[in-house]
Amino acid sequence: MLPQRIANACYKVAEQFVPYADVAICGEHFRVPLRWRKWWFQAHESDTMEFVRSYCKPGMVFVDIGAHFGIYSITAARRVAPSGKVVSFEPCWRTREILRRFIAANEVANVELREEAICHTSGTTNFFTSDIPGDPANTLAPFEGHPNQVTIRTLRLDDLELSRCDLLKIDAEGAENRIFQGATAFLRKHRPEIFLSVHPKQIRCSGESLRELWDSFTSLGFIAYVHQHTVTSGWFEARDEWFDVVLIPAKSSS
């Protein structure tokens, strides 16, 4: 713990003189607080970035569930401007304060920052965090390495008041199925394209299954793709490690 404290003290002094650094992630340029400049590598989560850059168009509304430090929220905000907006959800207060700094440093004014965790009910619930600064894997599901428990606010997508939602990014560390359970009316109304990060270990740890998640989005008329190829339920359910799919609403769905 002492090395981390020393590092924090050094950054606190250094940031008085050089508060921000410029970094490139998947060809996208950001200004970030100095202490976070080495958090990413050049091709960090390139599939997520490709989705955001390919699908976002001026005037769209992009909802970012599990925004972390906001590199996808910022990228989306640049592309949906000037008339579009981003709604960015980050329930961990420490991470959210860093996210707030990222948004300010990159001068995007069309991001609405929200504190709730998107879930199957609106209210409050337990949230599990680690002692790692900026940990991207804080979660609604009890999971190894996340011993700290806090109470946070939750919100169903069905209770989110938006006139439109064109694109949805979900990176919720095992809460994926709960999100869909609380989003039936929202998804039937808006029919967004969805970038879904799936975390099999966390899902199973919470007592749910990949089959339940598959049934949740396919019952709403969404088709799963990996690199533009459709996937089967068998392939989906057999995954053990984190993976991403793009969900496209079937044309026949209403």
C-alpha atoms as a PDB file:
ATOM      1  CA  MET A   1       0.000   0.000   0.000  1.00  0.00           C
ATOM      2  CA  LEU A   2       2.935   2.347   0.702  1.00  0.00           C
ATOM      3  CA  PRO A   3       4.134   2.438  -2.957  1.00  0.00           C
ATOM      4  CA  GLN A   4       0.621   3.452  -4.054  1.00  0.00           C
ATOM      5  CA  ARG A   5       0.551   6.228  -1.471  1.00  0.00           C
ATOM      6  CA  ILE A   6       3.931   7.460  -2.635  1.00  0.00           C
ATOM      7  CA  ALA A   7       2.784   7.355  -6.267  1.00  0.00           C
ATOM      8  CA  ASN A   8      -0.369   9.309  -5.389  1.00  0.00           C
ATOM      9  CA  ALA A   9       1.687  11.937  -3.574  1.00  0.00           C
ATOM     10  CA  CYS A  10       4.068  12.269  -6.522  1.00  0.00           C
ATOM     11  CA  TYR A  11       1.214  12.633  -8.999  1.00  0.00           C
ATOM     12  CA  LYS A  12      -0.468  15.205  -6.779  1.00  0.00           C
ATOM     13  CA  VAL A  13       2.632  17.360  -6.986  1.00  0.00           C
ATOM     14  CA  ALA A  14       3.269  16.706 -10.687  1.00  0.00           C
ATOM     15  CA  GLU A  15      -0.328  17.478 -11.671  1.00  0.00           C
ATOM     16  CA  GLN A  16       0.034  20.976 -10.254  1.00  0.00           C
ATOM     17  CA  PHE A  17       2.440  21.672 -13.113  1.00  0.00           C
ATOM     18  CA  VAL A  18       1.260  19.235 -15.825  1.00  0.00           C
ATOM     19  CA  PRO A  19      -2.334  18.292 -15.002  1.00  0.00           C
ATOM     20  CA  TYR A  20      -3.102  16.455 -18.240  1.00  0.00           C
ATOM     21  CA  ALA A  21      -1.429  14.277 -20.852  1.00  0.00           C
ATOM     22  CA  ASP A  22      -2.446  13.458 -24.419  1.00  0.00           C
ATOM     23  CA  VAL A  23      -3.009   9.797 -25.270  1.00  0.00           C
ATOM     24  CA  ALA A  24      -4.121   7.939 -28.409  1.00  0.00           C
ATOM     25  CA  ILE A  25      -6.461   4.953 -28.078  1.00  0.00           C
ATOM     26  CA  CYS A  26      -7.430   3.100 -31.257  1.00  0.00           C
ATOM     27  CA  GLY A  27      -6.565   6.242 -33.206  1.00  0.00           C
ATOM     28  CA  GLU A  28      -8.803   8.446 -31.047  1.00  0.00           C
ATOM     29  CA  HIS A  29      -7.105  11.247 -29.117  1.00  0.00           C
ATOM     30  CA  PHE A  30      -7.882  12.189 -25.522  1.00  0.00           C
ATOM     31  CA  ARG A  31      -6.638  14.496 -22.795  1.00  0.00           C
ATOM     32  CA  VAL A  32      -6.450  12.549 -19.557  1.00  0.00           C
ATOM     33  CA  PRO A  33      -5.341  13.349 -15.994  1.00  0.00           C
ATOM     34  CA  LEU A  34      -1.606  12.743 -15.810  1.00  0.00           C
ATOM     35  CA  ARG A  35      -1.792   9.801 -13.412  1.00  0.00           C
ATOM     36  CA  TRP A  36      -4.040   7.841 -15.782  1.00  0.00           C
ATOM     37  CA  ARG A  37      -1.997   8.286 -18.971  1.00  0.00           C
ATOM     38  CA  LYS A  38      -0.675   4.687 -18.905  1.00  0.00           C
ATOM     39  CA  TRP A  39      -3.994   3.018 -18.103  1.00  0.00           C
ATOM     40  CA  TRP A  40      -4.647   2.025 -21.746  1.00  0.00           C
ATOM     41  CA  PHE A  41      -2.700   0.566 -24.613  1.00  0.00           C
ATOM     42  CA  GLN A  42      -3.074   1.743 -28.211  1.00  0.00           C
ATOM     43  CA  ALA A  43      -5.542  -0.997 -29.254  1.00  0.00           C
ATOM     44  CA  HIS A  44      -7.519  -0.996 -25.977  1.00  0.00           C
ATOM     45  CA  GLU A  45     -10.906  -2.703 -26.517  1.00  0.00           C
ATOM     46  CA  SER A  46     -10.731  -1.959 -30.224  1.00  0.00           C
ATOM     47  CA  ASP A  47     -14.051  -3.690 -30.975  1.00  0.00           C
ATOM     48  CA  THR A  48     -15.890  -1.337 -28.609  1.00  0.00           C
ATOM     49  CA  MET A  49     -14.231   1.692 -30.142  1.00  0.00           C
ATOM     50  CA  GLU A  50     -15.005   0.470 -33.652  1.00  0.00           C
ATOM     51  CA  PHE A  51     -18.685   0.086 -32.747  1.00  0.00           C
ATOM     52  CA  VAL A  52     -18.886   3.609 -31.343  1.00  0.00           C
ATOM     53  CA  ARG A  53     -17.078   5.187 -34.279  1.00  0.00           C
ATOM     54  CA  SER A  54     -18.975   3.211 -36.925  1.00  0.00           C
ATOM     55  CA  TYR A  55     -22.504   3.552 -35.567  1.00  0.00           C
ATOM     56  CA  CYS A  56     -22.594   7.042 -34.013  1.00  0.00           C
ATOM     57  CA  LYS A  57     -23.977   9.739 -36.298  1.00  0.00           C
ATOM     58  CA  PRO A  58     -24.899  13.414 -35.696  1.00  0.00           C
ATOM     59  CA  GLY A  59     -28.171  13.799 -33.816  1.00  0.00           C
ATOM     60  CA  MET A  60     -28.171  10.332 -32.247  1.00  0.00           C
ATOM     61  CA  VAL A  61     -28.612   9.504 -28.563  1.00  0.00           C
ATOM     62  CA  PHE A  62     -26.014   7.106 -27.132  1.00  0.00           C
ATOM     63  CA  VAL A  63     -26.506   5.463 -23.723  1.00  0.00           C
ATOM     64  CA  ASP A  64     -23.316   4.222 -22.039  1.00  0.00           C
ATOM     65  CA  ILE A  65     -23.942   1.721 -19.216  1.00  0.00           C
ATOM     66  CA  GLY A  66     -20.747   1.145 -17.266  1.00  0.00           C
ATOM     67  CA  ALA A  67     -18.927   4.196 -18.590  1.00  0.00           C
ATOM     68  CA  HIS A  68     -15.810   3.870 -16.407  1.00  0.00           C
ATOM     69  CA  PHE A  69     -13.485   6.768 -17.374  1.00  0.00           C
ATOM     70  CA  GLY A  70     -15.629   7.670 -20.358  1.00  0.00           C
ATOM     71  CA  ILE A  71     -13.463   7.164 -23.429  1.00  0.00           C
ATOM     72  CA  TYR A  72     -16.458   5.730 -25.308  1.00  0.00           C
ATOM     73  CA  SER A  73     -18.824   8.387 -23.971  1.00  0.00           C
ATOM     74  CA  ILE A  74     -16.410  11.076 -25.139  1.00  0.00           C
ATOM     75  CA  THR A  75     -15.904   9.429 -28.538  1.00  0.00           C
ATOM     76  CA  ALA A  76     -19.669   9.115 -28.982  1.00  0.00           C
ATOM     77  CA  ALA A  77     -20.258  12.700 -27.844  1.00  0.00           C
ATOM     78  CA  ARG A  78     -17.908  13.987 -30.531  1.00  0.00           C
ATOM     79  CA  ARG A  79     -19.727  12.060 -33.239  1.00  0.00           C
ATOM     80  CA  VAL A  80     -23.345  12.739 -32.272  1.00  0.00           C
ATOM     81  CA  ALA A  81     -22.695  16.495 -31.838  1.00  0.00           C
ATOM     82  CA  PRO A  82     -23.989  19.088 -32.231  1.00  0.00           C
ATOM     83  CA  SER A  83     -27.614  18.017 -31.765  1.00  0.00           C
ATOM     84  CA  GLY A  84     -27.146  14.540 -30.274  1.00  0.00           C
ATOM     85  CA  LYS A  85     -26.330  13.574 -26.701  1.00  0.00           C
ATOM     86  CA  VAL A  86     -24.755  10.898 -24.536  1.00  0.00           C
ATOM     87  CA  VAL A  87     -26.225   9.567 -21.289  1.00  0.00           C
ATOM     88  CA  SER A  88     -23.379   8.091 -19.281  1.00  0.00           C
ATOM     89  CA  PHE A  89     -23.971   5.792 -16.264  1.00  0.00           C
ATOM     90  CA  GLU A  90     -21.189   5.099 -13.756  1.00  0.00           C
ATOM     91  CA  PRO A  91     -22.303   3.921 -10.282  1.00  0.00           C
ATOM     92  CA  CYS A  92     -18.888   3.846  -8.549  1.00  0.00           C
ATOM     93  CA  TRP A  93     -18.452   7.317  -7.046  1.00  0.00           C
ATOM     94  CA  ARG A  94     -14.644   7.281  -7.154  1.00  0.00           C
ATOM     95  CA  THR A  95     -14.635   6.267 -10.810  1.00  0.00           C
ATOM     96  CA  ARG A  96     -17.391   8.763 -11.566  1.00  0.00           C
ATOM     97  CA  GLU A  97     -15.313  11.649 -10.206  1.00  0.00           C
ATOM     98  CA  ILE A  98     -12.446  10.642 -12.491  1.00  0.00           C
ATOM     99  CA  LEU A  99     -14.932  10.357 -15.367  1.00  0.00           C
ATOM    100  CA  ARG A 100     -16.108  13.882 -14.615  1.00  0.00           C
ATOM    101  CA  ARG A 101     -12.509  15.116 -15.001  1.00  0.00           C
ATOM    102  CA  PHE A 102     -12.129  13.262 -18.311  1.00  0.00           C
ATOM    103  CA  ILE A 103     -15.291  14.861 -19.697  1.00  0.00           C
ATOM    104  CA  ALA A 104     -14.155  18.343 -18.650  1.00  0.00           C
ATOM    105  CA  ALA A 105     -10.626  17.880 -20.009  1.00  0.00           C
ATOM    106  CA  ASN A 106     -11.960  16.798 -23.404  1.00  0.00           C
ATOM    107  CA  GLU A 107     -14.446  19.668 -23.569  1.00  0.00           C
ATOM    108  CA  VAL A 108     -17.553  17.719 -24.514  1.00  0.00           C
ATOM    109  CA  ALA A 109     -20.705  19.483 -23.367  1.00  0.00           C
ATOM    110  CA  ASN A 110     -23.309  16.977 -24.564  1.00  0.00           C
ATOM    111  CA  VAL A 111     -22.713  14.249 -21.940  1.00  0.00           C
ATOM    112  CA  GLU A 112     -25.256  13.739 -19.158  1.00  0.00           C
ATOM    113  CA  LEU A 113     -23.499  11.983 -16.277  1.00  0.00           C
ATOM    114  CA  ARG A 114     -25.679   9.707 -14.116  1.00  0.00           C
ATOM    115  CA  GLU A 115     -24.884   7.933 -10.847  1.00  0.00           C
ATOM    116  CA  GLU A 116     -27.306   5.001 -10.992  1.00  0.00           C
ATOM    117  CA  ALA A 117     -26.537   1.393 -11.828  1.00  0.00           C
ATOM    118  CA  ILE A 118     -28.904   0.176 -14.522  1.00  0.00           C
ATOM    119  CA  CYS A 119     -30.697  -2.876 -13.154  1.00  0.00           C
ATOM    120  CA  HIS A 120     -33.982  -4.823 -13.131  1.00  0.00           C
ATOM    121  CA  THR A 121     -35.530  -2.573 -10.455  1.00  0.00           C
ATOM    122  CA  SER A 122     -35.400   1.106  -9.585  1.00  0.00           C
ATOM    123  CA  GLY A 123     -34.368   1.728  -5.989  1.00  0.00           C
ATOM    124  CA  THR A 124     -31.187   0.807  -4.131  1.00  0.00           C
ATOM    125  CA  THR A 125     -28.924  -2.225  -3.972  1.00  0.00           C
ATOM    126  CA  ASN A 126     -25.501  -3.407  -2.841  1.00  0.00           C
ATOM    127  CA  PHE A 127     -22.459  -2.663  -4.989  1.00  0.00           C
ATOM    128  CA  PHE A 128     -19.103  -4.417  -4.610  1.00  0.00           C
ATOM    129  CA  THR A 129     -15.787  -2.661  -5.153  1.00  0.00           C
ATOM    130  CA  SER A 130     -12.072  -3.362  -4.770  1.00  0.00           C
ATOM    131  CA  ASP A 131      -9.275  -1.232  -3.350  1.00  0.00           C
ATOM    132  CA  ILE A 132      -7.746  -0.768  -6.815  1.00  0.00           C
ATOM    133  CA  PRO A 133      -7.984   2.869  -7.979  1.00  0.00           C
ATOM    134  CA  GLY A 134     -10.038   3.033 -11.172  1.00  0.00           C
ATOM    135  CA  ASP A 135     -10.933  -0.669 -11.081  1.00  0.00           C
ATOM    136  CA  PRO A 136     -13.122  -1.316 -14.174  1.00  0.00           C
ATOM    137  CA  ALA A 137     -14.593  -4.513 -12.682  1.00  0.00           C
ATOM    138  CA  ASN A 138     -16.609  -3.152  -9.747  1.00  0.00           C
ATOM    139  CA  THR A 139     -19.880  -5.010  -9.804  1.00  0.00           C
ATOM    140  CA  LEU A 140     -23.446  -5.578  -8.606  1.00  0.00           C
ATOM    141  CA  ALA A 141     -22.637  -9.266  -8.150  1.00  0.00           C
ATOM    142  CA  PRO A 142     -20.393 -10.411  -5.251  1.00  0.00           C
ATOM    143  CA  PHE A 143     -17.144 -11.462  -6.907  1.00  0.00           C
ATOM    144  CA  GLU A 144     -13.611 -12.350  -5.868  1.00  0.00           C
ATOM    145  CA  GLY A 145     -11.322  -9.420  -5.252  1.00  0.00           C
ATOM    146  CA  HIS A 146     -14.193  -7.004  -4.533  1.00  0.00           C
ATOM    147  CA  PRO A 147     -14.721  -7.146  -0.755  1.00  0.00           C
ATOM    148  CA  ASN A 148     -16.030  -3.607  -0.186  1.00  0.00           C
ATOM    149  CA  GLN A 149     -19.801  -3.211  -0.110  1.00  0.00           C
ATOM    150  CA  VAL A 150     -21.686   0.056  -0.533  1.00  0.00           C
ATOM    151  CA  THR A 151     -25.305   0.976  -1.205  1.00  0.00           C
ATOM    152  CA  ILE A 152     -26.049   2.659  -4.522  1.00  0.00           C
ATOM    153  CA  ARG A 153     -29.088   3.821  -6.457  1.00  0.00           C
ATOM    154  CA  THR A 154     -30.468   1.674  -9.280  1.00  0.00           C
ATOM    155  CA  LEU A 155     -32.652   2.482 -12.264  1.00  0.00           C
ATOM    156  CA  ARG A 156     -34.546   0.409 -14.795  1.00  0.00           C
ATOM    157  CA  LEU A 157     -34.117   1.486 -18.384  1.00  0.00           C
ATOM    158  CA  ASP A 158     -37.898   1.297 -18.531  1.00  0.00           C
ATOM    159  CA  ASP A 159     -37.926   4.214 -16.060  1.00  0.00           C
ATOM    160  CA  LEU A 160     -35.399   6.307 -17.988  1.00  0.00           C
ATOM    161  CA  GLU A 161     -37.134   9.184 -19.739  1.00  0.00           C
ATOM    162  CA  LEU A 162     -35.644   9.590 -23.204  1.00  0.00           C
ATOM    163  CA  SER A 163     -37.365  10.661 -26.395  1.00  0.00           C
ATOM    164  CA  ARG A 164     -34.995   8.451 -28.384  1.00  0.00           C
ATOM    165  CA  CYS A 165     -32.127   6.002 -27.935  1.00  0.00           C
ATOM    166  CA  ASP A 166     -30.235   4.971 -31.038  1.00  0.00           C
ATOM    167  CA  LEU A 167     -27.252   3.144 -29.538  1.00  0.00           C
ATOM    168  CA  LEU A 168     -26.581   1.342 -26.287  1.00  0.00           C
ATOM    169  CA  LYS A 169     -23.281   0.156 -24.826  1.00  0.00           C
ATOM    170  CA  ILE A 170     -23.494  -2.297 -21.906  1.00  0.00           C
ATOM    171  CA  ASP A 171     -20.424  -3.217 -19.870  1.00  0.00           C
ATOM    172  CA  ALA A 172     -21.883  -4.153 -16.500  1.00  0.00           C
ATOM    173  CA  GLU A 173     -19.633  -6.880 -15.053  1.00  0.00           C
ATOM    174  CA  GLY A 174     -22.239  -9.636 -14.630  1.00  0.00           C
ATOM    175  CA  ALA A 175     -25.421  -7.552 -14.391  1.00  0.00           C
ATOM    176  CA  GLU A 176     -26.232  -7.983 -18.080  1.00  0.00           C
ATOM    177  CA  ASN A 177     -29.369 -10.061 -17.637  1.00  0.00           C
ATOM    178  CA  ARG A 178     -30.741  -7.792 -14.910  1.00  0.00           C
ATOM    179  CA  ILE A 179     -30.435  -4.868 -17.302  1.00  0.00           C
ATOM    180  CA  PHE A 180     -32.496  -6.622 -19.960  1.00  0.00           C
ATOM    181  CA  GLN A 181     -35.090  -7.670 -17.368  1.00  0.00           C
ATOM    182  CA  GLY A 182     -35.702  -4.015 -16.598  1.00  0.00           C
ATOM    183  CA  ALA A 183     -35.609  -2.804 -20.188  1.00  0.00           C
ATOM    184  CA  THR A 184     -38.413  -4.618 -21.997  1.00  0.00           C
ATOM    185  CA  ALA A 185     -40.539  -1.558 -22.784  1.00  0.00           C
ATOM    186  CA  PHE A 186     -37.488   0.633 -23.452  1.00  0.00           C
ATOM    187  CA  LEU A 187     -36.000  -1.773 -25.995  1.00  0.00           C
ATOM    188  CA  ARG A 188     -39.322  -2.418 -27.728  1.00  0.00           C
ATOM    189  CA  LYS A 189     -39.852   1.318 -28.088  1.00  0.00           C
ATOM    190  CA  HIS A 190     -36.396   2.482 -29.195  1.00  0.00           C
ATOM    191  CA  ARG A 191     -34.883  -0.596 -30.936  1.00  0.00           C
ATOM    192  CA  PRO A 192     -31.249   0.525 -30.496  1.00  0.00           C
ATOM    193  CA  GLU A 193     -28.192  -1.267 -31.788  1.00  0.00           C
ATOM    194  CA  ILE A 194     -26.391  -2.642 -28.729  1.00  0.00           C
ATOM    195  CA  PHE A 195     -22.744  -3.352 -27.960  1.00  0.00           C
ATOM    196  CA  LEU A 196     -22.869  -5.945 -25.177  1.00  0.00           C
ATOM    197  CA  SER A 197     -19.858  -7.063 -23.143  1.00  0.00           C
ATOM    198  CA  VAL A 198     -20.618 -10.433 -21.556  1.00  0.00           C
ATOM    199  CA  HIS A 199     -18.914 -11.605 -18.352  1.00  0.00           C
ATOM    200  CA  PRO A 200     -19.662 -15.341 -17.929  1.00  0.00           C
ATOM    201  CA  LYS A 201     -17.861 -15.831 -14.601  1.00  0.00           C
ATOM    202  CA  GLN A 202     -19.609 -12.931 -12.922  1.00  0.00           C
ATOM    203  CA  ILE A 203     -22.969 -13.954 -14.374  1.00  0.00           C
ATOM    204  CA  ARG A 204     -22.631 -17.491 -13.052  1.00  0.00           C
ATOM    205  CA  CYS A 205     -21.345 -16.207  -9.710  1.00  0.00           C
ATOM    206  CA  SER A 206     -24.568 -14.219  -9.330  1.00  0.00           C
ATOM    207  CA  GLY A 207     -26.649 -17.395  -9.825  1.00  0.00           C
ATOM    208  CA  GLU A 208     -27.711 -16.605 -13.395  1.00  0.00           C
ATOM    209  CA  SER A 209     -26.807 -18.222 -16.702  1.00  0.00           C
ATOM    210  CA  LEU A 210     -25.809 -17.290 -20.220  1.00  0.00           C
ATOM    211  CA  ARG A 211     -28.920 -19.088 -21.425  1.00  0.00           C
ATOM    212  CA  GLU A 212     -31.093 -16.676 -19.444  1.00  0.00           C
ATOM    213  CA  LEU A 213     -29.243 -13.728 -20.960  1.00  0.00           C
ATOM    214  CA  TRP A 214     -29.599 -15.185 -24.463  1.00  0.00           C
ATOM    215  CA  ASP A 215     -33.332 -15.694 -23.956  1.00  0.00           C
ATOM    216  CA  SER A 216     -33.712 -12.143 -22.615  1.00  0.00           C
ATOM    217  CA  PHE A 217     -32.456 -10.380 -25.732  1.00  0.00           C
ATOM    218  CA  THR A 218     -33.626 -12.877 -28.364  1.00  0.00           C
ATOM    219  CA  SER A 219     -37.175 -12.766 -26.954  1.00  0.00           C
ATOM    220  CA  LEU A 220     -37.104  -9.031 -27.665  1.00  0.00           C
ATOM    221  CA  GLY A 221     -36.123  -9.625 -31.284  1.00  0.00           C
ATOM    222  CA  PHE A 222     -32.373  -8.981 -31.160  1.00  0.00           C
ATOM    223  CA  ILE A 223     -29.851 -11.011 -33.167  1.00  0.00           C
ATOM    224  CA  ALA A 224     -26.305 -11.490 -31.855  1.00  0.00           C
ATOM    225  CA  TYR A 225     -23.269 -10.914 -34.092  1.00  0.00           C
ATOM    226  CA  VAL A 226     -19.536 -11.333 -33.584  1.00  0.00           C
ATOM    227  CA  HIS A 227     -17.450  -9.616 -36.264  1.00  0.00           C
ATOM    228  CA  GLN A 228     -20.536  -9.377 -38.510  1.00  0.00           C
ATOM    229  CA  HIS A 229     -21.320 -13.101 -38.254  1.00  0.00           C
ATOM    230  CA  THR A 230     -24.389 -14.372 -36.417  1.00  0.00           C
ATOM    231  CA  VAL A 231     -23.762 -16.613 -33.423  1.00  0.00           C
ATOM    232  CA  THR A 232     -25.776 -19.564 -32.135  1.00  0.00           C
ATOM    233  CA  SER A 233     -27.137 -20.093 -28.647  1.00  0.00           C
ATOM    234  CA  GLY A 234     -24.791 -23.063 -28.259  1.00  0.00           C
ATOM    235  CA  TRP A 235     -21.726 -20.961 -29.014  1.00  0.00           C
ATOM    236  CA  PHE A 236     -22.948 -18.174 -26.737  1.00  0.00           C
ATOM    237  CA  GLU A 237     -23.681 -20.447 -23.769  1.00  0.00           C
ATOM    238  CA  ALA A 238     -20.322 -22.266 -24.012  1.00  0.00           C
ATOM    239  CA  ARG A 239     -18.199 -19.150 -23.373  1.00  0.00           C
ATOM    240  CA  ASP A 240     -16.161 -19.058 -20.171  1.00  0.00           C
ATOM    241  CA  GLU A 241     -14.244 -15.811 -20.595  1.00  0.00           C
ATOM    242  CA  TRP A 242     -15.355 -12.255 -21.211  1.00  0.00           C
ATOM    243  CA  PHE A 243     -16.508 -11.602 -24.799  1.00  0.00           C
ATOM    244  CA  ASP A 244     -18.414  -9.016 -26.835  1.00  0.00           C
ATOM    245  CA  VAL A 245     -21.393  -9.260 -29.134  1.00  0.00           C
ATOM    246  CA  VAL A 246     -23.289  -6.694 -31.181  1.00  0.00           C
ATOM    247  CA  LEU A 247     -27.067  -6.999 -30.923  1.00  0.00           C
ATOM    248  CA  ILE A 248     -29.065  -5.832 -33.920  1.00  0.00           C
ATOM    249  CA  PRO A 249     -32.867  -5.589 -33.786  1.00  0.00           C
ATOM    250  CA  ALA A 250     -34.497  -7.917 -36.299  1.00  0.00           C
ATOM    251  CA  LYS A 251     -36.263  -5.996 -39.055  1.00  0.00           C
ATOM    252  CA  SER A 252     -39.474  -7.890 -38.392  1.00  0.00           C
ATOM    253  CA  SER A 253     -39.528  -6.792 -34.713  1.00  0.00           C
ATOM    254  CA  SER A 254     -41.752  -3.938 -33.641  1.00  0.00           C
END
